[in-house]
Amino acid sequence: MAKWILEPGHTAAEFCARHMMVTYVRGHFKNIRGTLFFDPTNPRAASVEVTIDANGIWMGEPDRDAHLRSPDFLDAENHPQIAFKGNQVELIGENDATLIGELTIRGITRKVALAVRYLGQWQTPWWEGGVDKGPKTRAGFMATTTINRLDFGVSWNAPLEKEGVVVGNTVEITIDAEAILESP
């Protein structure tokens, strides 16, 4: 099985949650690291291990970012990593699958299913120090899932009138991953 490394500069996770009962807010994580074992001719045998630096959360508003890193939300000081490990693949179509694995947030692990789309692979340049040391084989993936943040101990909220809340419990997650072939 070919080994791929997630390219941290081109891999990102975005989350989206309801805010103040009227809109959605989005946040991002970059610098995602991980290893993927994947062969497009045998996708059922794929597996992945990913870590995300919880302190790297970014919503573009420093006070909100600090609040999300606090014990009210991610508690990044005590739980500095978000992790996912998955190896159960159910094929849905030629380029689509469900990847089932374990997501860990705040030290709490729950089984989740990711809807994954394989975007293909391509030979590309590889620049180091201004010199093209390629070609390298890159593959792209997009994955989505929805979680309930309460399942992971992320329970801070504040009430609004008419039984409203500041933060919705449902969190939609989208992952864009670019992997580089390390060994065929």
C-alpha atoms as a PDB file:
ATOM      1  CA  MET A   1       0.000   0.000   0.000  1.00  0.00           C
ATOM      2  CA  ALA A   2       1.385   3.396  -1.000  1.00  0.00           C
ATOM      3  CA  LYS A   3       2.284   5.796   1.794  1.00  0.00           C
ATOM      4  CA  TRP A   4       1.275   9.439   1.432  1.00  0.00           C
ATOM      5  CA  ILE A   5       2.050  12.422   3.673  1.00  0.00           C
ATOM      6  CA  LEU A   6      -0.496  15.209   4.092  1.00  0.00           C
ATOM      7  CA  GLU A   7       1.107  18.423   2.902  1.00  0.00           C
ATOM      8  CA  PRO A   8       0.538  20.848   5.816  1.00  0.00           C
ATOM      9  CA  GLY A   9       0.676  23.980   3.666  1.00  0.00           C
ATOM     10  CA  HIS A  10      -2.104  22.751   1.400  1.00  0.00           C
ATOM     11  CA  THR A  11      -4.321  20.833   3.810  1.00  0.00           C
ATOM     12  CA  ALA A  12      -6.973  22.588   5.878  1.00  0.00           C
ATOM     13  CA  ALA A  13     -10.052  21.917   7.977  1.00  0.00           C
ATOM     14  CA  GLU A  14     -12.957  24.332   8.165  1.00  0.00           C
ATOM     15  CA  PHE A  15     -15.789  24.214  10.671  1.00  0.00           C
ATOM     16  CA  CYS A  16     -19.117  25.963  10.625  1.00  0.00           C
ATOM     17  CA  ALA A  17     -21.593  26.456  13.482  1.00  0.00           C
ATOM     18  CA  ARG A  18     -24.772  28.458  13.992  1.00  0.00           C
ATOM     19  CA  HIS A  19     -24.249  31.779  15.783  1.00  0.00           C
ATOM     20  CA  MET A  20     -26.812  33.945  17.605  1.00  0.00           C
ATOM     21  CA  MET A  21     -29.696  32.033  15.948  1.00  0.00           C
ATOM     22  CA  VAL A  22     -29.347  34.095  12.758  1.00  0.00           C
ATOM     23  CA  THR A  23     -26.166  33.190  10.917  1.00  0.00           C
ATOM     24  CA  TYR A  24     -23.215  30.808  10.735  1.00  0.00           C
ATOM     25  CA  VAL A  25     -19.618  31.423  11.729  1.00  0.00           C
ATOM     26  CA  ARG A  26     -16.657  29.634  10.193  1.00  0.00           C
ATOM     27  CA  GLY A  27     -13.232  28.842  11.506  1.00  0.00           C
ATOM     28  CA  HIS A  28     -10.139  27.187  10.149  1.00  0.00           C
ATOM     29  CA  PHE A  29      -7.240  24.977  11.055  1.00  0.00           C
ATOM     30  CA  LYS A  30      -4.076  24.839   8.929  1.00  0.00           C
ATOM     31  CA  ASN A  31      -0.804  22.998   9.449  1.00  0.00           C
ATOM     32  CA  ILE A  32      -2.589  19.660   9.577  1.00  0.00           C
ATOM     33  CA  ARG A  33      -0.223  16.697   9.701  1.00  0.00           C
ATOM     34  CA  GLY A  34      -0.887  13.104   8.897  1.00  0.00           C
ATOM     35  CA  THR A  35      -0.146   9.910   7.063  1.00  0.00           C
ATOM     36  CA  LEU A  36      -2.377   8.216   4.537  1.00  0.00           C
ATOM     37  CA  PHE A  37      -2.046   4.702   3.183  1.00  0.00           C
ATOM     38  CA  PHE A  38      -3.962   4.688  -0.098  1.00  0.00           C
ATOM     39  CA  ASP A  39      -4.029   2.944  -3.457  1.00  0.00           C
ATOM     40  CA  PRO A  40      -6.675   4.208  -5.896  1.00  0.00           C
ATOM     41  CA  THR A  41      -6.996   0.661  -7.290  1.00  0.00           C
ATOM     42  CA  ASN A  42      -7.832  -0.669  -3.804  1.00  0.00           C
ATOM     43  CA  PRO A  43      -9.454   2.172  -1.826  1.00  0.00           C
ATOM     44  CA  ARG A  44     -11.163  -0.202   0.644  1.00  0.00           C
ATOM     45  CA  ALA A  45      -7.760  -0.873   2.217  1.00  0.00           C
ATOM     46  CA  ALA A  46      -7.039   2.822   2.917  1.00  0.00           C
ATOM     47  CA  SER A  47      -6.209   4.167   6.357  1.00  0.00           C
ATOM     48  CA  VAL A  48      -5.334   7.603   7.721  1.00  0.00           C
ATOM     49  CA  GLU A  49      -3.970   9.180  10.898  1.00  0.00           C
ATOM     50  CA  VAL A  50      -4.214  12.951  11.297  1.00  0.00           C
ATOM     51  CA  THR A  51      -3.349  15.470  14.012  1.00  0.00           C
ATOM     52  CA  ILE A  52      -4.421  19.090  14.225  1.00  0.00           C
ATOM     53  CA  ASP A  53      -2.879  21.674  16.548  1.00  0.00           C
ATOM     54  CA  ALA A  54      -5.855  22.900  18.616  1.00  0.00           C
ATOM     55  CA  ASN A  55      -3.991  26.153  19.323  1.00  0.00           C
ATOM     56  CA  GLY A  56      -3.983  26.862  15.585  1.00  0.00           C
ATOM     57  CA  ILE A  57      -7.693  27.666  15.454  1.00  0.00           C
ATOM     58  CA  TRP A  58      -8.347  30.806  13.429  1.00  0.00           C
ATOM     59  CA  MET A  59     -11.563  32.726  12.888  1.00  0.00           C
ATOM     60  CA  GLY A  60      -9.945  36.083  12.163  1.00  0.00           C
ATOM     61  CA  GLU A  61     -10.988  37.679  15.469  1.00  0.00           C
ATOM     62  CA  PRO A  62      -8.275  37.379  18.152  1.00  0.00           C
ATOM     63  CA  ASP A  63     -10.620  37.543  21.158  1.00  0.00           C
ATOM     64  CA  ARG A  64     -12.909  34.869  19.705  1.00  0.00           C
ATOM     65  CA  ASP A  65      -9.900  32.703  18.791  1.00  0.00           C
ATOM     66  CA  ALA A  66      -8.648  32.943  22.382  1.00  0.00           C
ATOM     67  CA  HIS A  67     -12.106  32.031  23.704  1.00  0.00           C
ATOM     68  CA  LEU A  68     -12.233  28.974  21.418  1.00  0.00           C
ATOM     69  CA  ARG A  69      -8.810  27.842  22.716  1.00  0.00           C
ATOM     70  CA  SER A  70      -9.998  28.275  26.332  1.00  0.00           C
ATOM     71  CA  PRO A  71     -11.548  25.600  28.585  1.00  0.00           C
ATOM     72  CA  ASP A  72     -14.991  26.824  27.433  1.00  0.00           C
ATOM     73  CA  PHE A  73     -14.389  25.191  24.043  1.00  0.00           C
ATOM     74  CA  LEU A  74     -11.245  23.264  22.940  1.00  0.00           C
ATOM     75  CA  ASP A  75      -9.257  23.594  26.186  1.00  0.00           C
ATOM     76  CA  ALA A  76      -6.133  23.639  24.014  1.00  0.00           C
ATOM     77  CA  GLU A  77      -3.780  24.023  26.983  1.00  0.00           C
ATOM     78  CA  ASN A  78      -4.829  20.624  28.372  1.00  0.00           C
ATOM     79  CA  HIS A  79      -5.769  19.027  25.017  1.00  0.00           C
ATOM     80  CA  PRO A  80      -3.353  20.486  22.453  1.00  0.00           C
ATOM     81  CA  GLN A  81      -4.259  18.075  19.647  1.00  0.00           C
ATOM     82  CA  ILE A  82      -7.338  17.064  17.752  1.00  0.00           C
ATOM     83  CA  ALA A  83      -6.842  13.627  16.174  1.00  0.00           C
ATOM     84  CA  PHE A  84      -8.548  11.363  13.673  1.00  0.00           C
ATOM     85  CA  LYS A  85      -7.722   7.721  12.905  1.00  0.00           C
ATOM     86  CA  GLY A  86      -9.755   5.859  10.326  1.00  0.00           C
ATOM     87  CA  ASN A  87      -9.507   2.594   8.425  1.00  0.00           C
ATOM     88  CA  GLN A  88     -13.048   1.426   7.656  1.00  0.00           C
ATOM     89  CA  VAL A  89     -13.868   2.341   4.063  1.00  0.00           C
ATOM     90  CA  GLU A  90     -17.252   1.843   2.454  1.00  0.00           C
ATOM     91  CA  LEU A  91     -17.271   2.642  -1.286  1.00  0.00           C
ATOM     92  CA  ILE A  92     -20.194   4.716  -2.526  1.00  0.00           C
ATOM     93  CA  GLY A  93     -19.090   5.392  -6.105  1.00  0.00           C
ATOM     94  CA  GLU A  94     -16.055   5.560  -8.330  1.00  0.00           C
ATOM     95  CA  ASN A  95     -14.497   8.455  -6.398  1.00  0.00           C
ATOM     96  CA  ASP A  96     -16.660   8.600  -3.273  1.00  0.00           C
ATOM     97  CA  ALA A  97     -16.502   6.670  -0.030  1.00  0.00           C
ATOM     98  CA  THR A  98     -17.403   6.790   3.621  1.00  0.00           C
ATOM     99  CA  LEU A  99     -14.409   6.615   5.947  1.00  0.00           C
ATOM    100  CA  ILE A 100     -15.273   5.590   9.487  1.00  0.00           C
ATOM    101  CA  GLY A 101     -12.853   6.344  12.265  1.00  0.00           C
ATOM    102  CA  GLU A 102     -12.303   7.831  15.671  1.00  0.00           C
ATOM    103  CA  LEU A 103     -12.224  11.577  16.238  1.00  0.00           C
ATOM    104  CA  THR A 104     -10.685  12.869  19.469  1.00  0.00           C
ATOM    105  CA  ILE A 105     -11.434  16.374  20.728  1.00  0.00           C
ATOM    106  CA  ARG A 106     -10.698  17.506  24.320  1.00  0.00           C
ATOM    107  CA  GLY A 107      -9.517  13.954  25.101  1.00  0.00           C
ATOM    108  CA  ILE A 108     -12.948  12.503  24.225  1.00  0.00           C
ATOM    109  CA  THR A 109     -13.049   9.984  21.382  1.00  0.00           C
ATOM    110  CA  ARG A 110     -16.145   9.267  19.302  1.00  0.00           C
ATOM    111  CA  LYS A 111     -16.740   7.301  16.118  1.00  0.00           C
ATOM    112  CA  VAL A 112     -17.501   9.514  13.114  1.00  0.00           C
ATOM    113  CA  ALA A 113     -18.121   8.923   9.430  1.00  0.00           C
ATOM    114  CA  LEU A 114     -16.471  11.152   6.834  1.00  0.00           C
ATOM    115  CA  ALA A 115     -17.916  11.463   3.339  1.00  0.00           C
ATOM    116  CA  VAL A 116     -14.737  11.446   1.236  1.00  0.00           C
ATOM    117  CA  ARG A 117     -14.267  12.346  -2.408  1.00  0.00           C
ATOM    118  CA  TYR A 118     -11.032  11.367  -4.163  1.00  0.00           C
ATOM    119  CA  LEU A 119     -10.115  14.272  -6.481  1.00  0.00           C
ATOM    120  CA  GLY A 120      -7.372  12.470  -8.409  1.00  0.00           C
ATOM    121  CA  GLN A 121      -3.606  12.689  -8.610  1.00  0.00           C
ATOM    122  CA  TRP A 122      -1.080  14.533 -10.686  1.00  0.00           C
ATOM    123  CA  GLN A 123       2.668  14.822 -11.256  1.00  0.00           C
ATOM    124  CA  THR A 124       3.750  18.255 -10.015  1.00  0.00           C
ATOM    125  CA  PRO A 125       6.886  20.308  -9.432  1.00  0.00           C
ATOM    126  CA  TRP A 126       8.433  20.321  -5.946  1.00  0.00           C
ATOM    127  CA  TRP A 127      10.198  23.527  -5.015  1.00  0.00           C
ATOM    128  CA  GLU A 128      12.893  23.667  -2.328  1.00  0.00           C
ATOM    129  CA  GLY A 129      15.085  26.736  -1.932  1.00  0.00           C
ATOM    130  CA  GLY A 130      13.945  28.116  -5.289  1.00  0.00           C
ATOM    131  CA  VAL A 131      14.899  24.906  -7.128  1.00  0.00           C
ATOM    132  CA  ASP A 132      12.418  22.479  -8.711  1.00  0.00           C
ATOM    133  CA  LYS A 133      13.327  19.068  -7.236  1.00  0.00           C
ATOM    134  CA  GLY A 134      10.239  17.386  -8.650  1.00  0.00           C
ATOM    135  CA  PRO A 135       8.308  15.810  -9.977  1.00  0.00           C
ATOM    136  CA  LYS A 136       6.261  14.610  -7.020  1.00  0.00           C
ATOM    137  CA  THR A 137       2.953  12.796  -7.176  1.00  0.00           C
ATOM    138  CA  ARG A 138       0.155  14.623  -5.379  1.00  0.00           C
ATOM    139  CA  ALA A 139      -3.374  13.433  -4.659  1.00  0.00           C
ATOM    140  CA  GLY A 140      -6.363  15.449  -3.520  1.00  0.00           C
ATOM    141  CA  PHE A 141      -9.267  14.608  -1.240  1.00  0.00           C
ATOM    142  CA  MET A 142     -12.241  16.461   0.170  1.00  0.00           C
ATOM    143  CA  ALA A 143     -14.108  15.159   3.214  1.00  0.00           C
ATOM    144  CA  THR A 144     -17.133  16.351   5.141  1.00  0.00           C
ATOM    145  CA  THR A 145     -18.880  15.353   8.339  1.00  0.00           C
ATOM    146  CA  THR A 146     -21.239  16.777  10.921  1.00  0.00           C
ATOM    147  CA  ILE A 147     -20.743  16.369  14.671  1.00  0.00           C
ATOM    148  CA  ASN A 148     -22.533  17.415  17.824  1.00  0.00           C
ATOM    149  CA  ARG A 149     -20.015  19.439  19.828  1.00  0.00           C
ATOM    150  CA  LEU A 150     -21.643  18.316  23.102  1.00  0.00           C
ATOM    151  CA  ASP A 151     -20.468  14.754  22.348  1.00  0.00           C
ATOM    152  CA  PHE A 152     -16.893  16.028  22.800  1.00  0.00           C
ATOM    153  CA  GLY A 153     -17.441  18.047  25.976  1.00  0.00           C
ATOM    154  CA  VAL A 154     -17.592  21.363  24.121  1.00  0.00           C
ATOM    155  CA  SER A 155     -20.595  22.667  25.994  1.00  0.00           C
ATOM    156  CA  TRP A 156     -20.201  26.416  26.628  1.00  0.00           C
ATOM    157  CA  ASN A 157     -23.221  28.447  25.647  1.00  0.00           C
ATOM    158  CA  ALA A 158     -25.281  31.432  26.713  1.00  0.00           C
ATOM    159  CA  PRO A 159     -29.055  31.760  26.498  1.00  0.00           C
ATOM    160  CA  LEU A 160     -30.895  34.242  24.323  1.00  0.00           C
ATOM    161  CA  GLU A 161     -34.527  35.248  24.605  1.00  0.00           C
ATOM    162  CA  LYS A 162     -37.228  32.924  23.254  1.00  0.00           C
ATOM    163  CA  GLU A 163     -35.126  29.832  24.086  1.00  0.00           C
ATOM    164  CA  GLY A 164     -32.318  30.830  21.713  1.00  0.00           C
ATOM    165  CA  VAL A 165     -28.617  30.181  22.254  1.00  0.00           C
ATOM    166  CA  VAL A 166     -25.402  31.910  21.236  1.00  0.00           C
ATOM    167  CA  VAL A 167     -23.799  28.780  19.707  1.00  0.00           C
ATOM    168  CA  GLY A 168     -25.527  25.907  17.939  1.00  0.00           C
ATOM    169  CA  ASN A 169     -24.573  22.338  18.860  1.00  0.00           C
ATOM    170  CA  THR A 170     -24.218  21.066  15.299  1.00  0.00           C
ATOM    171  CA  VAL A 171     -20.792  21.613  13.739  1.00  0.00           C
ATOM    172  CA  GLU A 172     -20.221  21.007  10.034  1.00  0.00           C
ATOM    173  CA  ILE A 173     -16.637  20.112   9.119  1.00  0.00           C
ATOM    174  CA  THR A 174     -14.987  20.257   5.685  1.00  0.00           C
ATOM    175  CA  ILE A 175     -11.452  18.997   5.078  1.00  0.00           C
ATOM    176  CA  ASP A 176      -9.405  19.742   1.979  1.00  0.00           C
ATOM    177  CA  ALA A 177      -6.366  17.473   1.873  1.00  0.00           C
ATOM    178  CA  GLU A 178      -3.398  17.403  -0.454  1.00  0.00           C
ATOM    179  CA  ALA A 179      -1.201  14.345  -0.070  1.00  0.00           C
ATOM    180  CA  ILE A 180       2.281  13.758  -1.441  1.00  0.00           C
ATOM    181  CA  LEU A 181       3.388  10.254  -2.361  1.00  0.00           C
ATOM    182  CA  GLU A 182       6.248   9.290  -0.038  1.00  0.00           C
ATOM    183  CA  SER A 183       6.702   5.648  -1.055  1.00  0.00           C
ATOM    184  CA  PRO A 184       4.799   3.633  -3.682  1.00  0.00           C
END
